[in-house]
Protein backbone atom coordinates (compact mmCIF):
# COMPACT_ATOMS: atom_id res chain seq x y z
CA MET A 1 150.17 249.20 157.29
CA SER A 2 148.36 252.49 157.65
CA ASP A 3 146.06 253.95 155.01
CA GLN A 4 148.54 256.82 154.55
CA ALA A 5 151.41 254.40 153.80
CA THR A 6 149.20 252.48 151.34
CA VAL A 7 148.31 255.69 149.48
CA GLN A 8 151.98 256.72 149.33
CA ASN A 9 153.01 253.32 147.94
CA MET A 10 150.30 253.52 145.26
CA GLN A 11 151.39 257.02 144.20
CA GLN A 12 155.07 256.19 143.73
CA PRO A 13 155.85 255.45 140.09
CA GLN A 14 156.99 251.90 139.45
CA GLU A 15 160.43 251.62 137.91
CA ALA A 16 160.30 249.88 134.53
CA PRO A 17 162.19 246.58 134.39
CA THR A 18 165.37 246.43 132.33
CA LEU A 19 164.90 244.55 129.07
CA VAL A 20 167.75 242.17 128.24
CA TRP A 21 167.94 240.66 124.73
CA ASP A 22 169.47 237.18 125.14
CA ASP A 23 170.67 236.05 121.71
CA SER A 24 172.66 233.06 122.96
CA ALA A 25 170.27 230.53 121.35
CA MET A 26 169.27 232.63 118.34
CA GLN A 27 169.52 231.18 114.84
CA THR A 28 169.60 233.05 111.55
CA HIS A 29 167.72 231.87 108.47
CA TYR A 30 167.34 233.46 105.05
CA ALA A 31 163.91 233.76 103.46
CA ASN A 32 162.85 235.28 100.15
CA VAL A 33 159.23 234.09 100.50
CA CYS A 34 156.76 234.81 103.30
CA ASN A 35 153.11 233.96 103.76
CA VAL A 36 150.62 234.51 106.57
CA MET A 37 147.78 232.33 107.82
CA GLY A 38 145.53 233.10 110.72
CA THR A 39 142.66 232.13 112.93
CA ARG A 40 140.80 234.07 115.57
CA GLU A 41 143.37 233.09 118.21
CA GLU A 42 146.69 233.12 116.34
CA MET A 43 148.63 234.25 113.30
CA ALA A 44 151.23 232.06 111.63
CA LEU A 45 154.02 233.50 109.50
CA LEU A 46 155.57 230.99 107.11
CA PHE A 47 159.09 231.65 105.81
CA GLY A 48 161.01 229.87 103.11
CA ALA A 49 163.09 230.16 99.99
CA HIS A 50 162.55 229.41 96.35
CA GLN A 51 165.35 228.82 93.90
CA THR A 52 163.42 228.77 90.64
CA TRP A 53 165.38 231.06 88.39
CA GLN A 54 163.71 230.31 85.02
CA GLN A 55 160.96 232.77 84.25
CA ASP A 56 159.01 230.23 82.21
CA ALA A 57 158.99 227.58 84.95
CA LYS A 58 155.67 225.77 85.25
CA GLU A 59 156.16 225.14 88.94
CA VAL A 60 157.84 227.19 91.67
CA ARG A 61 158.78 225.08 94.66
CA VAL A 62 159.17 226.91 97.97
CA ALA A 63 161.13 225.13 100.68
CA LEU A 64 159.48 226.29 103.91
CA SER A 65 162.01 226.54 106.72
CA ASN A 66 160.37 228.41 109.58
CA ARG A 67 156.94 229.06 111.06
CA ILE A 68 156.42 231.77 113.65
CA VAL A 69 153.10 231.57 115.50
CA MET A 70 151.89 234.51 117.58
CA ASN A 71 148.70 235.93 118.99
CA PRO A 72 147.00 238.79 117.12
CA TYR A 73 148.29 241.39 119.61
CA ALA A 74 151.90 240.38 118.96
CA ALA A 75 151.16 240.37 115.21
CA LYS A 76 149.81 243.93 115.48
CA ARG A 77 152.97 245.05 117.32
CA LEU A 78 155.10 243.36 114.64
CA HIS A 79 153.10 245.20 111.97
CA ALA A 80 153.80 248.54 113.67
CA LEU A 81 157.53 247.78 113.99
CA LEU A 82 157.81 246.69 110.36
CA GLU A 83 155.96 249.78 109.20
CA ILE A 84 158.43 252.02 111.06
CA ALA A 85 161.44 250.07 109.76
CA LEU A 86 160.20 250.20 106.15
CA LYS A 87 159.53 253.95 106.32
CA GLU A 88 163.10 254.47 107.55
CA TYR A 89 164.46 252.18 104.82
CA GLU A 90 162.52 253.95 102.06
CA GLY A 91 163.57 257.34 103.40
CA ARG A 92 167.17 256.24 103.11
CA TYR A 93 167.13 254.16 99.90
CA GLY A 94 163.95 255.09 98.02
CA GLU A 95 160.47 253.66 97.69
CA LEU A 96 159.98 249.91 97.37
CA LYS A 97 157.46 249.08 94.67
CA LEU A 98 155.70 245.73 94.67
C-alpha cells in the first residue's frame, strides 16, 4: 500500500457502529432501598426492598435482591445519566426533596 493510500485511509472518518439494545434476557426488579460500596477498582450498587411500615419499629429489615458491580468509569457515566434524568423529572413534576 502506498503512503498516499495510507494517509487517505487515516483521514476518512470511521462510521460509528450501530448500538442494539438486546432485552431478551432482561429481568425487572423493584427496589425502594439502594446503597453503594466501593473500592479503588470497583463500585457496587446494592438494591433491595424494605416492608417495615410501622414508624416506631426498632428494626428495619432490608431484603437485598440485586448487586450491580461496575468500574468507576461506568459509575461516573451512570451518575451523569441519572443527573440528566432527574433534572428532566424535576422539571416535569417538581423538585424532589430528601
